[in-house]
Amino acid sequence: KKTYIAPFVNAEGPQYLVIEDSFPNGRPAFEKAGVY
């Protein structure tokens, strides 16, 4: 299906994930891993 994938993943360093805090059954402590 033309997916290019390998045992490794290469990417840049900077990353941003902003999430609306709406989790009716609780959630992981995302903010402690750099998530907004």
Full PDB file with SEQRES, HELIX, SHEET, SSBOND, CRYST1, ORIGX, SCALE, CONECT and MASTER records, all heavy atoms in Angstrom:
SEQRES   1 A   36  LYS LYS THR TYR ILE ALA PRO PHE VAL ASN ALA GLU GLY          
SEQRES   2 A   36  PRO GLN TYR LEU VAL ILE GLU ASP SER PHE PRO ASN GLY          
SEQRES   3 A   36  ARG PRO ALA PHE GLU LYS ALA GLY VAL TYR                      
HELIX    1 AA1 PHE A   30  ALA A   33  5                                   4    
CRYST1    1.000    1.000    1.000  90.00  90.00  90.00 P 1           1          
ORIGX1      1.000000  0.000000  0.000000        0.00000                         
ORIGX2      0.000000  1.000000  0.000000        0.00000                         
ORIGX3      0.000000  0.000000  1.000000        0.00000                         
SCALE1      1.000000  0.000000  0.000000        0.00000                         
SCALE2      0.000000  1.000000  0.000000        0.00000                         
SCALE3      0.000000  0.000000  1.000000        0.00000                         
ATOM      1  N   LYS A   1       0.819  -1.216   0.000  1.00  0.00           N  
ATOM      2  CA  LYS A   1       0.000   0.000   0.000  1.00  0.00           C  
ATOM      3  C   LYS A   1       0.850   1.263   0.000  1.00  0.00           C  
ATOM      4  O   LYS A   1       0.375   2.358   0.298  1.00  0.00           O  
ATOM      5  CB  LYS A   1      -0.955  -0.011   1.194  1.00  0.00           C  
ATOM      6  CG  LYS A   1      -2.030  -1.085   1.056  1.00  0.00           C  
ATOM      7  CD  LYS A   1      -3.117  -0.958   2.106  1.00  0.00           C  
ATOM      8  CE  LYS A   1      -4.234  -1.949   1.843  1.00  0.00           C  
ATOM      9  NZ  LYS A   1      -5.316  -1.869   2.850  1.00  0.00           N  
ATOM     10  N   LYS A   2       2.132   1.088  -0.326  1.00  0.00           N  
ATOM     11  CA  LYS A   2       3.079   2.194  -0.496  1.00  0.00           C  
ATOM     12  C   LYS A   2       3.364   2.953   0.799  1.00  0.00           C  
ATOM     13  O   LYS A   2       3.621   4.167   0.782  1.00  0.00           O  
ATOM     14  CB  LYS A   2       2.599   3.171  -1.584  1.00  0.00           C  
ATOM     15  CG  LYS A   2       2.399   2.522  -2.941  1.00  0.00           C  
ATOM     16  CD  LYS A   2       3.679   1.887  -3.455  1.00  0.00           C  
ATOM     17  CE  LYS A   2       3.471   1.229  -4.816  1.00  0.00           C  
ATOM     18  NZ  LYS A   2       4.686   0.485  -5.271  1.00  0.00           N  
ATOM     19  N   THR A   3       3.327   2.249   1.916  1.00  0.00           N  
ATOM     20  CA  THR A   3       3.791   2.826   3.170  1.00  0.00           C  
ATOM     21  C   THR A   3       5.298   2.636   3.251  1.00  0.00           C  
ATOM     22  O   THR A   3       5.792   1.527   3.076  1.00  0.00           O  
ATOM     23  CB  THR A   3       3.121   2.122   4.370  1.00  0.00           C  
ATOM     24  OG1 THR A   3       1.707   2.277   4.280  1.00  0.00           O  
ATOM     25  CG2 THR A   3       3.603   2.715   5.686  1.00  0.00           C  
ATOM     26  N   TYR A   4       6.022   3.735   3.485  1.00  0.00           N  
ATOM     27  CA  TYR A   4       7.477   3.675   3.651  1.00  0.00           C  
ATOM     28  C   TYR A   4       7.745   3.640   5.151  1.00  0.00           C  
ATOM     29  O   TYR A   4       7.433   4.587   5.872  1.00  0.00           O  
ATOM     30  CB  TYR A   4       8.136   4.909   3.027  1.00  0.00           C  
ATOM     31  CG  TYR A   4       8.158   4.893   1.520  1.00  0.00           C  
ATOM     32  CD1 TYR A   4       6.991   5.058   0.780  1.00  0.00           C  
ATOM     33  CD2 TYR A   4       9.357   4.714   0.819  1.00  0.00           C  
ATOM     34  CE1 TYR A   4       7.005   5.052  -0.611  1.00  0.00           C  
ATOM     35  CE2 TYR A   4       9.382   4.714  -0.564  1.00  0.00           C  
ATOM     36  CZ  TYR A   4       8.194   4.886  -1.274  1.00  0.00           C  
ATOM     37  OH  TYR A   4       8.210   4.879  -2.651  1.00  0.00           O  
ATOM     38  N   ILE A   5       8.315   2.550   5.614  1.00  0.00           N  
ATOM     39  CA  ILE A   5       8.487   2.370   7.050  1.00  0.00           C  
ATOM     40  C   ILE A   5       9.711   1.501   7.296  1.00  0.00           C  
ATOM     41  O   ILE A   5      10.167   0.774   6.407  1.00  0.00           O  
ATOM     42  CB  ILE A   5       7.202   1.748   7.670  1.00  0.00           C  
ATOM     43  CG1 ILE A   5       7.158   1.971   9.172  1.00  0.00           C  
ATOM     44  CG2 ILE A   5       7.029   0.305   7.262  1.00  0.00           C  
ATOM     45  CD1 ILE A   5       5.764   1.809   9.768  1.00  0.00           C  
ATOM     46  N   ALA A   6      10.276   1.598   8.481  1.00  0.00           N  
ATOM     47  CA  ALA A   6      11.498   0.867   8.810  1.00  0.00           C  
ATOM     48  C   ALA A   6      11.511   0.582  10.309  1.00  0.00           C  
ATOM     49  O   ALA A   6      10.668   1.105  11.051  1.00  0.00           O  
ATOM     50  CB  ALA A   6      12.729   1.698   8.410  1.00  0.00           C  
ATOM     51  N   PRO A   7      12.452  -0.223  10.788  1.00  0.00           N  
ATOM     52  CA  PRO A   7      12.571  -0.429  12.235  1.00  0.00           C  
ATOM     53  C   PRO A   7      12.896   0.869  12.972  1.00  0.00           C  
ATOM     54  O   PRO A   7      12.647   0.977  14.170  1.00  0.00           O  
ATOM     55  CB  PRO A   7      13.711  -1.438  12.363  1.00  0.00           C  
ATOM     56  CG  PRO A   7      13.833  -2.067  11.021  1.00  0.00           C  
ATOM     57  CD  PRO A   7      13.411  -1.039  10.026  1.00  0.00           C  
ATOM     58  N   PHE A   8      13.447   1.828  12.252  1.00  0.00           N  
ATOM     59  CA  PHE A   8      13.772   3.130  12.840  1.00  0.00           C  
ATOM     60  C   PHE A   8      12.817   4.192  12.278  1.00  0.00           C  
ATOM     61  O   PHE A   8      12.180   4.012  11.248  1.00  0.00           O  
ATOM     62  CB  PHE A   8      15.222   3.521  12.527  1.00  0.00           C  
ATOM     63  CG  PHE A   8      15.500   3.714  11.058  1.00  0.00           C  
ATOM     64  CD1 PHE A   8      15.347   4.957  10.457  1.00  0.00           C  
ATOM     65  CD2 PHE A   8      15.903   2.644  10.259  1.00  0.00           C  
ATOM     66  CE1 PHE A   8      15.591   5.138   9.101  1.00  0.00           C  
ATOM     67  CE2 PHE A   8      16.147   2.810   8.898  1.00  0.00           C  
ATOM     68  CZ  PHE A   8      15.988   4.060   8.327  1.00  0.00           C  
ATOM     69  N   VAL A   9      12.726   5.304  12.997  1.00  0.00           N  
ATOM     70  CA  VAL A   9      11.988   6.480  12.533  1.00  0.00           C  
ATOM     71  C   VAL A   9      12.916   7.671  12.643  1.00  0.00           C  
ATOM     72  O   VAL A   9      13.582   7.851  13.672  1.00  0.00           O  
ATOM     73  CB  VAL A   9      10.732   6.752  13.390  1.00  0.00           C  
ATOM     74  CG1 VAL A   9       9.886   7.844  12.760  1.00  0.00           C  
ATOM     75  CG2 VAL A   9       9.914   5.490  13.582  1.00  0.00           C  
ATOM     76  N   ASN A  10      13.001   8.476  11.582  1.00  0.00           N  
ATOM     77  CA  ASN A  10      13.829   9.690  11.652  1.00  0.00           C  
ATOM     78  C   ASN A  10      12.941  10.932  11.616  1.00  0.00           C  
ATOM     79  O   ASN A  10      11.965  10.999  10.880  1.00  0.00           O  
ATOM     80  CB  ASN A  10      14.867   9.741  10.527  1.00  0.00           C  
ATOM     81  CG  ASN A  10      14.340   9.345   9.160  1.00  0.00           C  
ATOM     82  OD1 ASN A  10      14.792   8.366   8.580  1.00  0.00           O  
ATOM     83  ND2 ASN A  10      13.381  10.089   8.639  1.00  0.00           N  
ATOM     84  N   ALA A  11      13.272  11.896  12.471  1.00  0.00           N  
ATOM     85  CA  ALA A  11      12.452  13.109  12.560  1.00  0.00           C  
ATOM     86  C   ALA A  11      13.277  14.243  13.137  1.00  0.00           C  
ATOM     87  O   ALA A  11      14.396  14.042  13.640  1.00  0.00           O  
ATOM     88  CB  ALA A  11      11.220  12.857  13.427  1.00  0.00           C  
ATOM     89  N   GLU A  12      12.711  15.450  13.054  1.00  0.00           N  
ATOM     90  CA  GLU A  12      13.352  16.614  13.660  1.00  0.00           C  
ATOM     91  C   GLU A  12      13.153  16.586  15.180  1.00  0.00           C  
ATOM     92  O   GLU A  12      12.364  15.790  15.700  1.00  0.00           O  
ATOM     93  CB  GLU A  12      12.748  17.890  13.088  1.00  0.00           C  
ATOM     94  CG  GLU A  12      11.267  18.065  13.424  1.00  0.00           C  
ATOM     95  CD  GLU A  12      10.697  19.409  12.999  1.00  0.00           C  
ATOM     96  OE1 GLU A  12      11.474  20.329  12.703  1.00  0.00           O  
ATOM     97  OE2 GLU A  12       9.459  19.550  12.987  1.00  0.00           O  
ATOM     98  N   GLY A  13      13.856  17.490  15.862  1.00  0.00           N  
ATOM     99  CA  GLY A  13      13.727  17.571  17.309  1.00  0.00           C  
ATOM    100  C   GLY A  13      12.498  18.338  17.775  1.00  0.00           C  
ATOM    101  O   GLY A  13      11.730  17.849  18.597  1.00  0.00           O  
ATOM    102  N   PRO A  14      12.266  19.566  17.261  1.00  0.00           N  
ATOM    103  CA  PRO A  14      11.117  20.343  17.725  1.00  0.00           C  
ATOM    104  C   PRO A  14       9.799  19.615  17.470  1.00  0.00           C  
ATOM    105  O   PRO A  14       9.617  18.979  16.426  1.00  0.00           O  
ATOM    106  CB  PRO A  14      11.201  21.625  16.884  1.00  0.00           C  
ATOM    107  CG  PRO A  14      12.644  21.736  16.514  1.00  0.00           C  
ATOM    108  CD  PRO A  14      13.110  20.324  16.323  1.00  0.00           C  
ATOM    109  N   GLN A  15       8.894  19.705  18.423  1.00  0.00           N  
ATOM    110  CA  GLN A  15       7.591  19.080  18.274  1.00  0.00           C  
ATOM    111  C   GLN A  15       6.592  19.801  19.166  1.00  0.00           C  
ATOM    112  O   GLN A  15       6.942  20.308  20.234  1.00  0.00           O  
ATOM    113  CB  GLN A  15       7.649  17.594  18.632  1.00  0.00           C  
ATOM    114  CG  GLN A  15       8.101  17.302  20.059  1.00  0.00           C  
ATOM    115  CD  GLN A  15       8.288  15.814  20.317  1.00  0.00           C  
ATOM    116  OE1 GLN A  15       8.675  15.057  19.440  1.00  0.00           O  
ATOM    117  NE2 GLN A  15       8.000  15.395  21.536  1.00  0.00           N  
ATOM    118  N   TYR A  16       5.349  19.827  18.703  1.00  0.00           N  
ATOM    119  CA  TYR A  16       4.291  20.511  19.449  1.00  0.00           C  
ATOM    120  C   TYR A  16       3.038  19.649  19.418  1.00  0.00           C  
ATOM    121  O   TYR A  16       2.618  19.166  18.364  1.00  0.00           O  
ATOM    122  CB  TYR A  16       3.985  21.877  18.821  1.00  0.00           C  
ATOM    123  CG  TYR A  16       5.163  22.830  18.854  1.00  0.00           C  
ATOM    124  CD1 TYR A  16       6.085  22.857  17.804  1.00  0.00           C  
ATOM    125  CD2 TYR A  16       5.360  23.675  19.937  1.00  0.00           C  
ATOM    126  CE1 TYR A  16       7.173  23.710  17.836  1.00  0.00           C  
ATOM    127  CE2 TYR A  16       6.450  24.535  19.977  1.00  0.00           C  
ATOM    128  CZ  TYR A  16       7.355  24.552  18.924  1.00  0.00           C  
ATOM    129  OH  TYR A  16       8.431  25.388  18.961  1.00  0.00           O  
ATOM    130  N   LEU A  17       2.448  19.457  20.583  1.00  0.00           N  
ATOM    131  CA  LEU A  17       1.153  18.788  20.682  1.00  0.00           C  
ATOM    132  C   LEU A  17       0.323  19.562  21.700  1.00  0.00           C  
ATOM    133  O   LEU A  17       0.695  19.655  22.874  1.00  0.00           O  
ATOM    134  CB  LEU A  17       1.317  17.330  21.112  1.00  0.00           C  
ATOM    135  CG  LEU A  17       0.020  16.507  21.217  1.00  0.00           C  
ATOM    136  CD1 LEU A  17      -0.749  16.513  19.896  1.00  0.00           C  
ATOM    137  CD2 LEU A  17       0.320  15.081  21.653  1.00  0.00           C  
ATOM    138  N   VAL A  18      -0.767  20.138  21.222  1.00  0.00           N  
ATOM    139  CA  VAL A  18      -1.685  20.910  22.059  1.00  0.00           C  
ATOM    140  C   VAL A  18      -3.008  20.143  22.097  1.00  0.00           C  
ATOM    141  O   VAL A  18      -3.560  19.825  21.043  1.00  0.00           O  
ATOM    142  CB  VAL A  18      -1.900  22.333  21.497  1.00  0.00           C  
ATOM    143  CG1 VAL A  18      -2.786  23.150  22.436  1.00  0.00           C  
ATOM    144  CG2 VAL A  18      -0.559  23.029  21.261  1.00  0.00           C  
ATOM    145  N   ILE A  19      -3.496  19.827  23.285  1.00  0.00           N  
ATOM    146  CA  ILE A  19      -4.687  18.985  23.413  1.00  0.00           C  
ATOM    147  C   ILE A  19      -5.736  19.667  24.293  1.00  0.00           C  
ATOM    148  O   ILE A  19      -5.417  20.179  25.378  1.00  0.00           O  
ATOM    149  CB  ILE A  19      -4.339  17.614  24.028  1.00  0.00           C  
ATOM    150  CG1 ILE A  19      -3.274  16.883  23.188  1.00  0.00           C  
ATOM    151  CG2 ILE A  19      -5.584  16.746  24.161  1.00  0.00           C  
ATOM    152  CD1 ILE A  19      -2.872  15.529  23.762  1.00  0.00           C  
ATOM    153  N   GLU A  20      -6.971  19.647  23.828  1.00  0.00           N  
ATOM    154  CA  GLU A  20      -8.090  20.103  24.648  1.00  0.00           C  
ATOM    155  C   GLU A  20      -8.261  19.139  25.818  1.00  0.00           C  
ATOM    156  O   GLU A  20      -8.385  17.931  25.635  1.00  0.00           O  
ATOM    157  CB  GLU A  20      -9.365  20.124  23.798  1.00  0.00           C  
ATOM    158  CG  GLU A  20     -10.604  20.520  24.569  1.00  0.00           C  
ATOM    159  CD  GLU A  20     -11.871  20.327  23.764  1.00  0.00           C  
ATOM    160  OE1 GLU A  20     -11.793  19.947  22.580  1.00  0.00           O  
ATOM    161  OE2 GLU A  20     -12.956  20.564  24.339  1.00  0.00           O  
ATOM    162  N   ASP A  21      -8.258  19.656  27.012  1.00  0.00           N  
ATOM    163  CA  ASP A  21      -8.277  18.813  28.209  1.00  0.00           C  
ATOM    164  C   ASP A  21      -9.696  18.366  28.528  1.00  0.00           C  
ATOM    165  O   ASP A  21     -10.353  18.882  29.435  1.00  0.00           O  
ATOM    166  CB  ASP A  21      -7.663  19.570  29.388  1.00  0.00           C  
ATOM    167  CG  ASP A  21      -7.221  18.627  30.500  1.00  0.00           C  
ATOM    168  OD1 ASP A  21      -7.517  17.414  30.400  1.00  0.00           O  
ATOM    169  OD2 ASP A  21      -6.575  19.093  31.457  1.00  0.00           O  
ATOM    170  N   SER A  22     -10.170  17.377  27.755  1.00  0.00           N  
ATOM    171  CA  SER A  22     -11.527  16.854  27.932  1.00  0.00           C  
ATOM    172  C   SER A  22     -11.457  15.332  27.923  1.00  0.00           C  
ATOM    173  O   SER A  22     -11.570  14.697  26.881  1.00  0.00           O  
ATOM    174  CB  SER A  22     -12.439  17.362  26.798  1.00  0.00           C  
ATOM    175  OG  SER A  22     -13.731  16.815  26.918  1.00  0.00           O  
ATOM    176  N   PHE A  23     -11.244  14.759  29.104  1.00  0.00           N  
ATOM    177  CA  PHE A  23     -11.046  13.316  29.248  1.00  0.00           C  
ATOM    178  C   PHE A  23     -11.942  12.804  30.378  1.00  0.00           C  
ATOM    179  O   PHE A  23     -11.556  12.831  31.549  1.00  0.00           O  
ATOM    180  CB  PHE A  23      -9.572  13.011  29.542  1.00  0.00           C  
ATOM    181  CG  PHE A  23      -8.649  13.283  28.382  1.00  0.00           C  
ATOM    182  CD1 PHE A  23      -8.249  14.574  28.085  1.00  0.00           C  
ATOM    183  CD2 PHE A  23      -8.197  12.235  27.593  1.00  0.00           C  
ATOM    184  CE1 PHE A  23      -7.406  14.826  27.004  1.00  0.00           C  
ATOM    185  CE2 PHE A  23      -7.359  12.474  26.521  1.00  0.00           C  
ATOM    186  CZ  PHE A  23      -6.959  13.776  26.224  1.00  0.00           C  
ATOM    187  N   PRO A  24     -13.157  12.350  30.049  1.00  0.00           N  
ATOM    188  CA  PRO A  24     -14.131  12.006  31.089  1.00  0.00           C  
ATOM    189  C   PRO A  24     -13.779  10.782  31.926  1.00  0.00           C  
ATOM    190  O   PRO A  24     -14.382  10.570  32.980  1.00  0.00           O  
ATOM    191  CB  PRO A  24     -15.420  11.759  30.287  1.00  0.00           C  
ATOM    192  CG  PRO A  24     -14.967  11.439  28.906  1.00  0.00           C  
ATOM    193  CD  PRO A  24     -13.728  12.233  28.692  1.00  0.00           C  
ATOM    194  N   ASN A  25     -12.803   9.994  31.499  1.00  0.00           N  
ATOM    195  CA  ASN A  25     -12.377   8.830  32.297  1.00  0.00           C  
ATOM    196  C   ASN A  25     -10.930   8.976  32.768  1.00  0.00           C  
ATOM    197  O   ASN A  25     -10.250   8.000  33.050  1.00  0.00           O  
ATOM    198  CB  ASN A  25     -12.539   7.536  31.481  1.00  0.00           C  
ATOM    199  CG  ASN A  25     -12.502   6.283  32.354  1.00  0.00           C  
ATOM    200  OD1 ASN A  25     -12.901   6.314  33.523  1.00  0.00           O  
ATOM    201  ND2 ASN A  25     -12.006   5.192  31.807  1.00  0.00           N  
ATOM    202  N   GLY A  26     -10.460  10.229  32.857  1.00  0.00           N  
ATOM    203  CA  GLY A  26      -9.075  10.474  33.263  1.00  0.00           C  
ATOM    204  C   GLY A  26      -8.133  10.359  32.073  1.00  0.00           C  
ATOM    205  O   GLY A  26      -8.533  10.002  30.959  1.00  0.00           O  
ATOM    206  N   ARG A  27      -6.848  10.664  32.311  1.00  0.00           N  
ATOM    207  CA  ARG A  27      -5.855  10.645  31.230  1.00  0.00           C  
ATOM    208  C   ARG A  27      -4.455  10.524  31.803  1.00  0.00           C  
ATOM    209  O   ARG A  27      -4.234  10.764  32.995  1.00  0.00           O  
ATOM    210  CB  ARG A  27      -5.961  11.931  30.406  1.00  0.00           C  
ATOM    211  CG  ARG A  27      -5.661  13.206  31.215  1.00  0.00           C  
ATOM    212  CD  ARG A  27      -5.512  14.414  30.323  1.00  0.00           C  
ATOM    213  NE  ARG A  27      -5.330  15.666  31.057  1.00  0.00           N  
ATOM    214  CZ  ARG A  27      -4.195  16.079  31.590  1.00  0.00           C  
ATOM    215  NH1 ARG A  27      -3.098  15.333  31.502  1.00  0.00           N  
ATOM    216  NH2 ARG A  27      -4.128  17.247  32.223  1.00  0.00           N  
ATOM    217  N   PRO A  28      -3.488  10.180  30.949  1.00  0.00           N  
ATOM    218  CA  PRO A  28      -2.087  10.238  31.380  1.00  0.00           C  
ATOM    219  C   PRO A  28      -1.671  11.680  31.677  1.00  0.00           C  
ATOM    220  O   PRO A  28      -2.308  12.629  31.204  1.00  0.00           O  
ATOM    221  CB  PRO A  28      -1.324   9.689  30.161  1.00  0.00           C  
ATOM    222  CG  PRO A  28      -2.339   8.907  29.390  1.00  0.00           C  
ATOM    223  CD  PRO A  28      -3.636   9.613  29.602  1.00  0.00           C  
ATOM    224  N   ALA A  29      -0.604  11.843  32.417  1.00  0.00           N  
ATOM    225  CA  ALA A  29      -0.098  13.181  32.778  1.00  0.00           C  
ATOM    226  C   ALA A  29       0.703  13.760  31.618  1.00  0.00           C  
ATOM    227  O   ALA A  29       1.924  13.953  31.691  1.00  0.00           O  
ATOM    228  CB  ALA A  29       0.750  13.100  34.041  1.00  0.00           C  
ATOM    229  N   PHE A  30       0.009  14.057  30.520  1.00  0.00           N  
ATOM    230  CA  PHE A  30       0.678  14.481  29.288  1.00  0.00           C  
ATOM    231  C   PHE A  30       1.565  15.711  29.486  1.00  0.00           C  
ATOM    232  O   PHE A  30       2.611  15.847  28.845  1.00  0.00           O  
ATOM    233  CB  PHE A  30      -0.362  14.779  28.206  1.00  0.00           C  
ATOM    234  CG  PHE A  30      -0.978  13.555  27.591  1.00  0.00           C  
ATOM    235  CD1 PHE A  30      -2.344  13.446  27.457  1.00  0.00           C  
ATOM    236  CD2 PHE A  30      -0.192  12.517  27.124  1.00  0.00           C  
ATOM    237  CE1 PHE A  30      -2.920  12.320  26.892  1.00  0.00           C  
ATOM    238  CE2 PHE A  30      -0.745  11.393  26.552  1.00  0.00           C  
ATOM    239  CZ  PHE A  30      -2.118  11.291  26.430  1.00  0.00           C  
ATOM    240  N   GLU A  31       1.122  16.623  30.342  1.00  0.00           N  
ATOM    241  CA  GLU A  31       1.893  17.862  30.518  1.00  0.00           C  
ATOM    242  C   GLU A  31       3.303  17.580  31.041  1.00  0.00           C  
ATOM    243  O   GLU A  31       4.218  18.397  30.856  1.00  0.00           O  
ATOM    244  CB  GLU A  31       1.161  18.832  31.468  1.00  0.00           C  
ATOM    245  CG  GLU A  31       0.908  18.282  32.863  1.00  0.00           C  
ATOM    246  CD  GLU A  31      -0.343  17.424  32.978  1.00  0.00           C  
ATOM    247  OE1 GLU A  31      -0.979  17.131  31.951  1.00  0.00           O  
ATOM    248  OE2 GLU A  31      -0.679  17.039  34.114  1.00  0.00           O  
ATOM    249  N   LYS A  32       3.515  16.423  31.662  1.00  0.00           N  
ATOM    250  CA  LYS A  32       4.843  16.073  32.164  1.00  0.00           C  
ATOM    251  C   LYS A  32       5.729  15.479  31.075  1.00  0.00           C  
ATOM    252  O   LYS A  32       6.878  15.108  31.332  1.00  0.00           O  
ATOM    253  CB  LYS A  32       4.716  15.100  33.340  1.00  0.00           C  
ATOM    254  CG  LYS A  32       4.010  15.746  34.534  1.00  0.00           C  
ATOM    255  CD  LYS A  32       3.989  14.871  35.748  1.00  0.00           C  
ATOM    256  CE  LYS A  32       3.300  15.587  36.914  1.00  0.00           C  
ATOM    257  NZ  LYS A  32       3.263  14.769  38.147  1.00  0.00           N  
ATOM    258  N   ALA A  33       5.188  15.410  29.847  1.00  0.00           N  
ATOM    259  CA  ALA A  33       5.984  14.974  28.698  1.00  0.00           C  
ATOM    260  C   ALA A  33       5.999  16.044  27.616  1.00  0.00           C  
ATOM    261  O   ALA A  33       6.202  15.752  26.431  1.00  0.00           O  
ATOM    262  CB  ALA A  33       5.435  13.667  28.139  1.00  0.00           C  
ATOM    263  N   GLY A  34       5.773  17.305  28.027  1.00  0.00           N  
ATOM    264  CA  GLY A  34       5.893  18.424  27.096  1.00  0.00           C  
ATOM    265  C   GLY A  34       4.659  18.728  26.275  1.00  0.00           C  
ATOM    266  O   GLY A  34       4.720  19.527  25.338  1.00  0.00           O  
ATOM    267  N   VAL A  35       3.521  18.113  26.608  1.00  0.00           N  
ATOM    268  CA  VAL A  35       2.281  18.363  25.876  1.00  0.00           C  
ATOM    269  C   VAL A  35       1.551  19.541  26.520  1.00  0.00           C  
ATOM    270  O   VAL A  35       1.510  19.664  27.747  1.00  0.00           O  
ATOM    271  CB  VAL A  35       1.381  17.105  25.874  1.00  0.00           C  
ATOM    272  CG1 VAL A  35       0.070  17.382  25.136  1.00  0.00           C  
ATOM    273  CG2 VAL A  35       2.113  15.927  25.243  1.00  0.00           C  
ATOM    274  N   TYR A  36       0.980  20.411  25.677  1.00  0.00           N  
ATOM    275  CA  TYR A  36       0.214  21.548  26.170  1.00  0.00           C  
ATOM    276  C   TYR A  36      -1.242  21.114  26.358  1.00  0.00           C  
ATOM    277  O   TYR A  36      -1.921  20.760  25.396  1.00  0.00           O  
ATOM    278  CB  TYR A  36       0.266  22.711  25.176  1.00  0.00           C  
ATOM    279  CG  TYR A  36       1.643  23.281  24.949  1.00  0.00           C  
ATOM    280  CD1 TYR A  36       2.504  22.738  23.995  1.00  0.00           C  
ATOM    281  CD2 TYR A  36       2.086  24.389  25.676  1.00  0.00           C  
ATOM    282  CE1 TYR A  36       3.765  23.262  23.778  1.00  0.00           C  
ATOM    283  CE2 TYR A  36       3.359  24.927  25.462  1.00  0.00           C  
ATOM    284  CZ  TYR A  36       4.189  24.355  24.516  1.00  0.00           C  
ATOM    285  OH  TYR A  36       5.437  24.879  24.299  1.00  0.00           O  
TER     286      TYR A  36                                                      
MASTER        0    0    0    1    0    0    0    6  285    1    0    3          
END                                                                             
